[in-house]
Amino acid sequence: MKEKINVVEGDITKLQVDAIVNAANRTLLGGGGVDGAIHRAAGPELLEECRRLKGCETGEAKITKGYNLPAKWVIHTVGPIWRDSTCQEDEFLARCYRNSLALAKKYGIKTIAFPAISTGAYSFPMDRAIKIAITETKNFLLRDNSIEKVFLVCLGQSAYKMTVRLLDKALEE
């Protein structure tokens, strides 16, 4: 499992993978953080295709071409806004990973990169979000070998170190 899940620090828009996951808002029309960076790097065609998708519900995922990105595909998923864990935020975040991985399988994607969904402007606690990302990724890979490599992309050293630590712990279990 360790060879299938990699933690990297850096810019998700620069990764040479089949698909990157966009932590999108419900409109899919761009925004701040990862969402804005992906839209800027992909170019205006991404926005045009996203308009035709007519939005996306929290926990769901939709796919577009990557346009000017190194990645052929962008999987857009809408994470939950953290309130206080009373609004099923954990389950909605888990669905983001499950639905994104299911789309990747459907499109024959072998390598995929995820940002830390919902941890920016949506304020999901980082450690909790990372545990969900690792659990859902690990569970998918244990039952399905269609995806060869998953990258968990971190912004900054503290997120990177936390993700490596939590991944090592999860893989020991």
N, C-alpha and C. Protein backbone atom coordinates (compact mmCIF):
# COMPACT_ATOMS: atom_id res chain seq x y z
N MET A 1 0.83 -1.21 0.00
CA MET A 1 0.00 0.00 0.00
C MET A 1 0.87 1.27 0.00
N LYS A 2 2.00 1.20 0.68
CA LYS A 2 2.89 2.37 0.80
C LYS A 2 3.34 2.87 -0.58
N GLU A 3 3.53 1.94 -1.52
CA GLU A 3 3.98 2.35 -2.86
C GLU A 3 2.85 2.95 -3.69
N LYS A 4 1.60 2.78 -3.25
CA LYS A 4 0.45 3.30 -4.01
C LYS A 4 -0.02 4.67 -3.54
N ILE A 5 0.29 5.04 -2.29
CA ILE A 5 -0.12 6.35 -1.76
C ILE A 5 1.14 7.15 -1.44
N ASN A 6 1.27 8.28 -2.12
CA ASN A 6 2.44 9.14 -1.93
C ASN A 6 1.99 10.50 -1.40
N VAL A 7 2.79 11.04 -0.51
CA VAL A 7 2.54 12.39 0.01
C VAL A 7 3.57 13.31 -0.63
N VAL A 8 3.10 14.41 -1.20
CA VAL A 8 4.00 15.38 -1.81
C VAL A 8 3.62 16.78 -1.35
N GLU A 9 4.62 17.62 -1.27
CA GLU A 9 4.37 19.03 -0.98
C GLU A 9 4.55 19.79 -2.28
N GLY A 10 3.62 20.69 -2.58
CA GLY A 10 3.81 21.48 -3.78
C GLY A 10 2.52 21.92 -4.44
N ASP A 11 2.67 22.29 -5.69
CA ASP A 11 1.60 22.86 -6.49
C ASP A 11 0.92 21.76 -7.30
N ILE A 12 -0.31 21.46 -6.97
CA ILE A 12 -1.06 20.38 -7.63
C ILE A 12 -1.20 20.63 -9.13
N THR A 13 -1.19 21.88 -9.54
CA THR A 13 -1.37 22.20 -10.97
C THR A 13 -0.15 21.83 -11.81
N LYS A 14 0.96 21.51 -11.19
CA LYS A 14 2.19 21.18 -11.92
C LYS A 14 2.45 19.68 -11.99
N LEU A 15 1.64 18.88 -11.33
CA LEU A 15 1.90 17.44 -11.27
C LEU A 15 1.62 16.73 -12.58
N GLN A 16 2.49 15.80 -12.92
CA GLN A 16 2.35 14.96 -14.11
C GLN A 16 1.57 13.70 -13.71
N VAL A 17 0.26 13.82 -13.65
CA VAL A 17 -0.63 12.71 -13.31
C VAL A 17 -1.77 12.70 -14.32
N ASP A 18 -2.52 11.61 -14.32
CA ASP A 18 -3.66 11.54 -15.24
C ASP A 18 -4.76 12.52 -14.85
N ALA A 19 -4.98 12.68 -13.53
CA ALA A 19 -6.05 13.57 -13.06
C ALA A 19 -5.65 14.25 -11.77
N ILE A 20 -6.08 15.50 -11.65
CA ILE A 20 -5.99 16.19 -10.36
C ILE A 20 -7.41 16.45 -9.89
N VAL A 21 -7.55 16.49 -8.58
CA VAL A 21 -8.86 16.76 -7.99
C VAL A 21 -8.91 18.22 -7.58
N ASN A 22 -10.01 18.85 -7.93
CA ASN A 22 -10.24 20.25 -7.59
C ASN A 22 -11.18 20.33 -6.40
N ALA A 23 -10.74 20.99 -5.35
CA ALA A 23 -11.61 21.28 -4.21
C ALA A 23 -12.47 22.48 -4.61
N ALA A 24 -13.55 22.18 -5.28
CA ALA A 24 -14.38 23.20 -5.92
C ALA A 24 -15.48 23.72 -5.01
N ASN A 25 -16.10 24.81 -5.45
CA ASN A 25 -17.32 25.26 -4.78
C ASN A 25 -18.50 24.73 -5.61
N ARG A 26 -19.70 24.90 -5.11
CA ARG A 26 -20.87 24.28 -5.75
C ARG A 26 -21.16 24.79 -7.16
N THR A 27 -20.70 25.99 -7.50
CA THR A 27 -20.95 26.51 -8.85
C THR A 27 -20.02 25.90 -9.89
N LEU A 28 -18.85 25.42 -9.44
CA LEU A 28 -17.76 24.92 -10.30
C LEU A 28 -17.17 26.02 -11.18
N LEU A 29 -17.42 27.28 -10.85
CA LEU A 29 -16.98 28.38 -11.71
C LEU A 29 -15.71 29.07 -11.21
N GLY A 30 -14.94 28.37 -10.40
CA GLY A 30 -13.69 28.95 -9.91
C GLY A 30 -13.90 29.65 -8.59
N GLY A 31 -12.82 29.95 -7.94
CA GLY A 31 -12.88 30.59 -6.63
C GLY A 31 -11.47 30.87 -6.17
N GLY A 32 -11.27 30.75 -4.87
CA GLY A 32 -9.95 30.99 -4.31
C GLY A 32 -9.20 29.69 -4.11
N GLY A 33 -8.05 29.76 -3.49
CA GLY A 33 -7.27 28.59 -3.13
C GLY A 33 -6.96 27.68 -4.29
N VAL A 34 -7.07 26.37 -4.04
CA VAL A 34 -6.78 25.36 -5.06
C VAL A 34 -7.69 25.54 -6.27
N ASP A 35 -8.95 25.82 -6.03
CA ASP A 35 -9.93 26.00 -7.10
C ASP A 35 -9.48 27.09 -8.07
N GLY A 36 -9.14 28.23 -7.54
CA GLY A 36 -8.70 29.35 -8.38
C GLY A 36 -7.40 29.03 -9.12
N ALA A 37 -6.47 28.37 -8.42
CA ALA A 37 -5.19 28.02 -9.04
C ALA A 37 -5.40 27.05 -10.21
N ILE A 38 -6.28 26.09 -10.04
CA ILE A 38 -6.56 25.13 -11.11
C ILE A 38 -7.20 25.83 -12.30
N HIS A 39 -8.17 26.68 -12.04
CA HIS A 39 -8.83 27.41 -13.14
C HIS A 39 -7.83 28.31 -13.88
N ARG A 40 -6.97 28.99 -13.15
CA ARG A 40 -5.98 29.86 -13.81
C ARG A 40 -5.01 29.05 -14.66
N ALA A 41 -4.54 27.94 -14.12
CA ALA A 41 -3.55 27.13 -14.84
C ALA A 41 -4.16 26.41 -16.04
N ALA A 42 -5.42 25.99 -15.92
CA ALA A 42 -6.07 25.24 -17.01
C ALA A 42 -6.46 26.14 -18.17
N GLY A 43 -6.76 27.39 -17.88
CA GLY A 43 -7.17 28.32 -18.92
C GLY A 43 -8.69 28.46 -19.02
N PRO A 44 -9.16 29.38 -19.86
CA PRO A 44 -10.58 29.72 -19.93
C PRO A 44 -11.48 28.59 -20.42
N GLU A 45 -10.93 27.62 -21.14
CA GLU A 45 -11.76 26.51 -21.61
C GLU A 45 -12.33 25.70 -20.45
N LEU A 46 -11.58 25.62 -19.35
CA LEU A 46 -12.08 24.88 -18.18
C LEU A 46 -13.35 25.54 -17.65
N LEU A 47 -13.34 26.84 -17.54
CA LEU A 47 -14.53 27.56 -17.07
C LEU A 47 -15.71 27.32 -18.01
N GLU A 48 -15.46 27.35 -19.29
CA GLU A 48 -16.54 27.12 -20.27
C GLU A 48 -17.16 25.73 -20.08
N GLU A 49 -16.31 24.71 -19.91
CA GLU A 49 -16.83 23.36 -19.71
C GLU A 49 -17.56 23.24 -18.37
N CYS A 50 -17.02 23.87 -17.34
CA CYS A 50 -17.66 23.83 -16.02
C CYS A 50 -19.05 24.48 -16.04
N ARG A 51 -19.21 25.55 -16.81
CA ARG A 51 -20.53 26.19 -16.93
C ARG A 51 -21.58 25.20 -17.44
N ARG A 52 -21.18 24.35 -18.38
CA ARG A 52 -22.11 23.36 -18.94
C ARG A 52 -22.49 22.27 -17.93
N LEU A 53 -21.68 22.08 -16.89
CA LEU A 53 -21.97 21.05 -15.89
C LEU A 53 -23.07 21.48 -14.90
N LYS A 54 -23.34 22.78 -14.85
CA LYS A 54 -24.40 23.34 -14.01
C LYS A 54 -24.25 23.00 -12.52
N GLY A 55 -23.03 23.12 -12.02
CA GLY A 55 -22.78 22.98 -10.60
C GLY A 55 -22.61 21.55 -10.14
N CYS A 56 -22.41 21.41 -8.82
CA CYS A 56 -22.16 20.11 -8.22
C CYS A 56 -22.55 20.18 -6.75
N GLU A 57 -23.19 19.15 -6.27
CA GLU A 57 -23.62 19.11 -4.87
C GLU A 57 -22.47 18.70 -3.96
N THR A 58 -22.54 19.06 -2.71
CA THR A 58 -21.54 18.69 -1.72
C THR A 58 -21.41 17.17 -1.65
N GLY A 59 -20.17 16.71 -1.71
CA GLY A 59 -19.88 15.28 -1.65
C GLY A 59 -19.87 14.59 -3.00
N GLU A 60 -20.39 15.26 -4.02
CA GLU A 60 -20.43 14.67 -5.36
C GLU A 60 -19.17 15.06 -6.13
N ALA A 61 -19.01 14.49 -7.32
CA ALA A 61 -17.83 14.78 -8.15
C ALA A 61 -18.23 14.77 -9.62
N LYS A 62 -17.60 15.65 -10.39
CA LYS A 62 -17.80 15.72 -11.84
C LYS A 62 -16.43 15.87 -12.49
N ILE A 63 -16.33 15.48 -13.76
CA ILE A 63 -15.03 15.47 -14.43
C ILE A 63 -15.04 16.37 -15.66
N THR A 64 -13.90 17.01 -15.90
CA THR A 64 -13.68 17.82 -17.10
C THR A 64 -12.30 17.49 -17.65
N LYS A 65 -12.04 17.99 -18.82
CA LYS A 65 -10.69 17.92 -19.39
C LYS A 65 -9.76 18.82 -18.57
N GLY A 66 -8.45 18.59 -18.73
CA GLY A 66 -7.45 19.38 -18.01
C GLY A 66 -6.97 20.60 -18.76
N TYR A 67 -7.23 20.67 -20.04
CA TYR A 67 -6.83 21.79 -20.90
C TYR A 67 -5.34 22.09 -20.77
N ASN A 68 -4.94 23.23 -20.25
CA ASN A 68 -3.52 23.62 -20.22
C ASN A 68 -2.74 23.02 -19.05
N LEU A 69 -3.37 22.18 -18.26
CA LEU A 69 -2.68 21.51 -17.15
C LEU A 69 -1.89 20.32 -17.67
N PRO A 70 -0.85 19.88 -16.95
CA PRO A 70 -0.18 18.63 -17.32
C PRO A 70 -1.13 17.42 -17.20
N ALA A 71 -2.10 17.50 -16.30
CA ALA A 71 -3.08 16.43 -16.10
C ALA A 71 -4.11 16.45 -17.23
N LYS A 72 -4.49 15.28 -17.71
CA LYS A 72 -5.48 15.17 -18.78
C LYS A 72 -6.88 15.52 -18.27
N TRP A 73 -7.14 15.21 -16.99
CA TRP A 73 -8.48 15.39 -16.40
C TRP A 73 -8.42 16.21 -15.13
N VAL A 74 -9.55 16.87 -14.84
CA VAL A 74 -9.77 17.50 -13.54
C VAL A 74 -11.07 16.92 -13.00
N ILE A 75 -10.98 16.36 -11.81
CA ILE A 75 -12.18 15.88 -11.12
C ILE A 75 -12.53 16.93 -10.09
N HIS A 76 -13.71 17.49 -10.23
CA HIS A 76 -14.18 18.56 -9.34
C HIS A 76 -15.06 17.93 -8.27
N THR A 77 -14.75 18.21 -7.02
CA THR A 77 -15.59 17.72 -5.93
C THR A 77 -15.81 18.85 -4.94
N VAL A 78 -16.99 18.86 -4.36
CA VAL A 78 -17.36 19.94 -3.44
C VAL A 78 -17.35 19.40 -2.02
N GLY A 79 -16.38 19.87 -1.25
CA GLY A 79 -16.28 19.45 0.14
C GLY A 79 -17.24 20.22 1.02
N PRO A 80 -17.44 19.69 2.22
CA PRO A 80 -18.34 20.36 3.16
C PRO A 80 -17.68 21.54 3.86
N ILE A 81 -18.49 22.49 4.22
CA ILE A 81 -18.03 23.60 5.07
C ILE A 81 -18.10 23.10 6.51
N TRP A 82 -16.99 23.24 7.25
CA TRP A 82 -16.95 22.80 8.64
C TRP A 82 -17.83 23.70 9.49
N ARG A 83 -18.70 23.08 10.23
CA ARG A 83 -19.54 23.83 11.17
C ARG A 83 -19.12 23.44 12.58
N ASP A 84 -19.43 22.24 13.00
CA ASP A 84 -19.03 21.77 14.34
C ASP A 84 -19.17 20.26 14.44
N SER A 85 -19.15 19.59 13.34
CA SER A 85 -19.29 18.14 13.18
C SER A 85 -20.71 17.64 13.40
N THR A 86 -21.68 18.53 13.47
CA THR A 86 -23.07 18.09 13.66
C THR A 86 -23.84 18.04 12.35
N CYS A 87 -23.20 18.39 11.25
CA CYS A 87 -23.89 18.45 9.96
C CYS A 87 -23.37 17.39 8.99
N GLN A 88 -22.92 16.27 9.50
CA GLN A 88 -22.43 15.16 8.68
C GLN A 88 -21.22 15.53 7.83
N GLU A 89 -20.41 16.46 8.32
CA GLU A 89 -19.26 16.90 7.54
C GLU A 89 -18.31 15.75 7.21
N ASP A 90 -18.07 14.86 8.17
CA ASP A 90 -17.16 13.74 7.92
C ASP A 90 -17.66 12.87 6.77
N GLU A 91 -18.95 12.55 6.78
CA GLU A 91 -19.52 11.71 5.73
C GLU A 91 -19.48 12.40 4.38
N PHE A 92 -19.79 13.69 4.33
CA PHE A 92 -19.72 14.41 3.06
C PHE A 92 -18.29 14.46 2.52
N LEU A 93 -17.31 14.65 3.41
CA LEU A 93 -15.92 14.67 2.95
C LEU A 93 -15.52 13.28 2.46
N ALA A 94 -15.91 12.24 3.15
CA ALA A 94 -15.61 10.88 2.71
C ALA A 94 -16.21 10.62 1.33
N ARG A 95 -17.41 11.11 1.09
CA ARG A 95 -18.04 10.95 -0.23
C ARG A 95 -17.24 11.64 -1.33
N CYS A 96 -16.62 12.78 -1.01
CA CYS A 96 -15.78 13.47 -2.00
C CYS A 96 -14.70 12.53 -2.51
N TYR A 97 -14.03 11.83 -1.60
CA TYR A 97 -12.96 10.92 -1.98
C TYR A 97 -13.53 9.69 -2.70
N ARG A 98 -14.59 9.10 -2.16
CA ARG A 98 -15.18 7.91 -2.79
C ARG A 98 -15.66 8.22 -4.20
N ASN A 99 -16.39 9.32 -4.37
CA ASN A 99 -16.94 9.67 -5.68
C ASN A 99 -15.84 10.07 -6.67
N SER A 100 -14.81 10.74 -6.20
CA SER A 100 -13.69 11.10 -7.08
C SER A 100 -12.95 9.86 -7.54
N LEU A 101 -12.70 8.93 -6.64
CA LEU A 101 -12.02 7.69 -7.01
C LEU A 101 -12.87 6.83 -7.94
N ALA A 102 -14.18 6.82 -7.72
CA ALA A 102 -15.08 6.08 -8.62
C ALA A 102 -15.05 6.67 -10.03
N LEU A 103 -15.05 7.99 -10.13
CA LEU A 103 -14.95 8.64 -11.45
C LEU A 103 -13.61 8.31 -12.11
N ALA A 104 -12.56 8.33 -11.32
CA ALA A 104 -11.23 8.01 -11.85
C ALA A 104 -11.24 6.59 -12.44
N LYS A 105 -11.83 5.67 -11.72
CA LYS A 105 -11.91 4.29 -12.22
C LYS A 105 -12.71 4.25 -13.53
N LYS A 106 -13.84 4.93 -13.56
CA LYS A 106 -14.71 4.93 -14.73
C LYS A 106 -13.98 5.44 -15.98
N TYR A 107 -13.10 6.42 -15.79
CA TYR A 107 -12.39 7.04 -16.92
C TYR A 107 -11.01 6.42 -17.17
N GLY A 108 -10.70 5.33 -16.50
CA GLY A 108 -9.43 4.65 -16.73
C GLY A 108 -8.22 5.40 -16.23
N ILE A 109 -8.41 6.25 -15.26
CA ILE A 109 -7.32 7.06 -14.70
C ILE A 109 -6.46 6.16 -13.81
N LYS A 110 -5.16 6.22 -14.03
CA LYS A 110 -4.22 5.38 -13.27
C LYS A 110 -3.51 6.14 -12.16
N THR A 111 -3.33 7.45 -12.35
CA THR A 111 -2.65 8.27 -11.34
C THR A 111 -3.51 9.50 -11.05
N ILE A 112 -3.68 9.80 -9.77
CA ILE A 112 -4.57 10.88 -9.37
C ILE A 112 -3.97 11.62 -8.18
N ALA A 113 -4.17 12.93 -8.13
CA ALA A 113 -3.65 13.76 -7.05
C ALA A 113 -4.80 14.51 -6.38
N PHE A 114 -4.83 14.43 -5.05
CA PHE A 114 -5.84 15.11 -4.25
C PHE A 114 -5.21 16.24 -3.43
N PRO A 115 -5.88 17.40 -3.36
CA PRO A 115 -5.49 18.40 -2.37
C PRO A 115 -6.16 18.02 -1.04
N ALA A 116 -5.91 18.76 -0.01
CA ALA A 116 -6.59 18.54 1.28
C ALA A 116 -7.96 19.22 1.21
N ILE A 117 -8.93 18.49 0.71
CA ILE A 117 -10.28 19.03 0.44
C ILE A 117 -10.90 19.59 1.71
N SER A 118 -11.48 20.77 1.58
CA SER A 118 -12.22 21.48 2.63
C SER A 118 -11.38 22.08 3.76
N THR A 119 -10.05 21.97 3.68
CA THR A 119 -9.22 22.46 4.80
C THR A 119 -8.84 23.93 4.69
N GLY A 120 -9.12 24.54 3.56
CA GLY A 120 -8.79 25.96 3.38
C GLY A 120 -9.94 26.83 3.86
N ALA A 121 -10.57 27.49 2.92
CA ALA A 121 -11.66 28.42 3.24
C ALA A 121 -12.84 27.74 3.94
N TYR A 122 -12.98 26.42 3.75
CA TYR A 122 -14.11 25.70 4.36
C TYR A 122 -13.81 25.25 5.79
N SER A 123 -12.58 25.48 6.28
CA SER A 123 -12.19 25.36 7.69
C SER A 123 -12.31 23.97 8.31
N PHE A 124 -12.31 22.91 7.50
CA PHE A 124 -12.33 21.55 8.05
C PHE A 124 -11.01 21.34 8.79
N PRO A 125 -11.03 20.80 10.01
CA PRO A 125 -9.77 20.58 10.74
C PRO A 125 -8.82 19.68 9.95
N MET A 126 -7.59 20.13 9.78
CA MET A 126 -6.62 19.46 8.93
C MET A 126 -6.41 18.00 9.31
N ASP A 127 -6.15 17.71 10.58
CA ASP A 127 -5.87 16.32 10.95
C ASP A 127 -7.06 15.42 10.69
N ARG A 128 -8.23 15.90 10.97
CA ARG A 128 -9.45 15.12 10.74
C ARG A 128 -9.65 14.86 9.24
N ALA A 129 -9.43 15.90 8.42
CA ALA A 129 -9.59 15.77 6.97
C ALA A 129 -8.57 14.80 6.39
N ILE A 130 -7.34 14.85 6.87
CA ILE A 130 -6.30 13.96 6.37
C ILE A 130 -6.64 12.51 6.72
N LYS A 131 -7.12 12.27 7.93
CA LYS A 131 -7.49 10.90 8.32
C LYS A 131 -8.59 10.36 7.40
N ILE A 132 -9.55 11.19 7.08
CA ILE A 132 -10.63 10.76 6.17
C ILE A 132 -10.07 10.48 4.78
N ALA A 133 -9.21 11.36 4.28
CA ALA A 133 -8.60 11.17 2.96
C ALA A 133 -7.83 9.85 2.91
N ILE A 134 -7.05 9.59 3.92
CA ILE A 134 -6.24 8.36 3.97
C ILE A 134 -7.14 7.13 4.08
N THR A 135 -8.13 7.17 4.94
CA THR A 135 -9.03 6.03 5.12
C THR A 135 -9.75 5.69 3.83
N GLU A 136 -10.33 6.69 3.18
CA GLU A 136 -11.09 6.44 1.96
C GLU A 136 -10.19 5.96 0.82
N THR A 137 -9.01 6.55 0.71
CA THR A 137 -8.06 6.13 -0.32
C THR A 137 -7.60 4.70 -0.08
N LYS A 138 -7.22 4.41 1.14
CA LYS A 138 -6.76 3.07 1.50
C LYS A 138 -7.87 2.04 1.25
N ASN A 139 -9.08 2.32 1.69
CA ASN A 139 -10.20 1.39 1.49
C ASN A 139 -10.45 1.12 0.00
N PHE A 140 -10.39 2.16 -0.81
CA PHE A 140 -10.59 1.99 -2.25
C PHE A 140 -9.50 1.10 -2.83
N LEU A 141 -8.25 1.39 -2.51
CA LEU A 141 -7.13 0.66 -3.08
C LEU A 141 -7.09 -0.80 -2.62
N LEU A 142 -7.61 -1.07 -1.43
CA LEU A 142 -7.64 -2.45 -0.93
C LEU A 142 -8.62 -3.32 -1.72
N ARG A 143 -9.67 -2.72 -2.24
CA ARG A 143 -10.68 -3.51 -2.95
C ARG A 143 -10.63 -3.35 -4.47
N ASP A 144 -9.80 -2.44 -4.96
CA ASP A 144 -9.78 -2.16 -6.39
C ASP A 144 -8.37 -1.79 -6.82
N ASN A 145 -7.85 -2.43 -7.84
CA ASN A 145 -6.48 -2.13 -8.28
C ASN A 145 -6.43 -1.32 -9.58
N SER A 146 -7.54 -0.68 -9.93
CA SER A 146 -7.57 0.09 -11.18
C SER A 146 -6.70 1.34 -11.12
N ILE A 147 -6.53 1.91 -9.97
CA ILE A 147 -5.68 3.11 -9.81
C ILE A 147 -4.33 2.66 -9.27
N GLU A 148 -3.29 3.08 -9.95
CA GLU A 148 -1.94 2.64 -9.60
C GLU A 148 -1.29 3.50 -8.53
N LYS A 149 -1.58 4.81 -8.56
CA LYS A 149 -0.92 5.70 -7.60
C LYS A 149 -1.81 6.88 -7.27
N VAL A 150 -1.87 7.16 -5.96
CA VAL A 150 -2.61 8.31 -5.45
C VAL A 150 -1.63 9.23 -4.75
N PHE A 151 -1.70 10.50 -5.10
CA PHE A 151 -0.85 11.51 -4.46
C PHE A 151 -1.72 12.37 -3.56
N LEU A 152 -1.29 12.54 -2.32
CA LEU A 152 -1.92 13.48 -1.40
C LEU A 152 -1.03 14.71 -1.40
N VAL A 153 -1.53 15.80 -1.95
CA VAL A 153 -0.73 16.99 -2.17
C VAL A 153 -0.96 17.99 -1.04
N CYS A 154 0.14 18.40 -0.43
CA CYS A 154 0.09 19.29 0.74
C CYS A 154 0.65 20.66 0.39
N LEU A 155 0.06 21.66 0.99
CA LEU A 155 0.56 23.02 0.85
C LEU A 155 1.26 23.37 2.16
N GLY A 156 2.57 23.40 2.14
CA GLY A 156 3.35 23.76 3.32
C GLY A 156 3.90 22.56 4.06
N GLN A 157 4.99 22.80 4.77
CA GLN A 157 5.69 21.75 5.50
C GLN A 157 4.88 21.15 6.64
N SER A 158 4.12 21.96 7.35
CA SER A 158 3.37 21.42 8.49
C SER A 158 2.30 20.44 8.02
N ALA A 159 1.60 20.77 6.94
CA ALA A 159 0.60 19.85 6.38
C ALA A 159 1.28 18.60 5.85
N TYR A 160 2.42 18.77 5.21
CA TYR A 160 3.17 17.62 4.68
C TYR A 160 3.58 16.67 5.80
N LYS A 161 4.19 17.21 6.84
CA LYS A 161 4.66 16.37 7.96
C LYS A 161 3.49 15.66 8.64
N MET A 162 2.38 16.36 8.84
CA MET A 162 1.21 15.76 9.46
C MET A 162 0.66 14.62 8.59
N THR A 163 0.60 14.84 7.29
CA THR A 163 0.07 13.83 6.39
C THR A 163 0.96 12.59 6.36
N VAL A 164 2.28 12.78 6.30
CA VAL A 164 3.21 11.65 6.32
C VAL A 164 3.04 10.86 7.61
N ARG A 165 2.96 11.56 8.74
CA ARG A 165 2.81 10.89 10.04
C ARG A 165 1.51 10.09 10.10
N LEU A 166 0.41 10.70 9.67
CA LEU A 166 -0.89 10.02 9.73
C LEU A 166 -0.97 8.87 8.74
N LEU A 167 -0.34 9.02 7.58
CA LEU A 167 -0.32 7.93 6.60
C LEU A 167 0.49 6.75 7.15
N ASP A 168 1.67 7.02 7.71
CA ASP A 168 2.49 5.95 8.28
C ASP A 168 1.71 5.21 9.36
N LYS A 169 1.03 5.95 10.20
CA LYS A 169 0.23 5.34 11.28
C LYS A 169 -0.90 4.47 10.70
N ALA A 170 -1.59 4.98 9.69
CA ALA A 170 -2.70 4.25 9.09
C ALA A 170 -2.24 2.98 8.38
N LEU A 171 -1.06 3.01 7.81
CA LEU A 171 -0.55 1.85 7.09
C LEU A 171 0.00 0.77 8.03
N GLU A 172 0.27 1.15 9.26
CA GLU A 172 0.70 0.18 10.27
C GLU A 172 -0.47 -0.62 10.81
N GLU A 173 -1.66 -0.06 10.73
CA GLU A 173 -2.86 -0.71 11.31
C GLU A 173 -3.31 -1.89 10.49
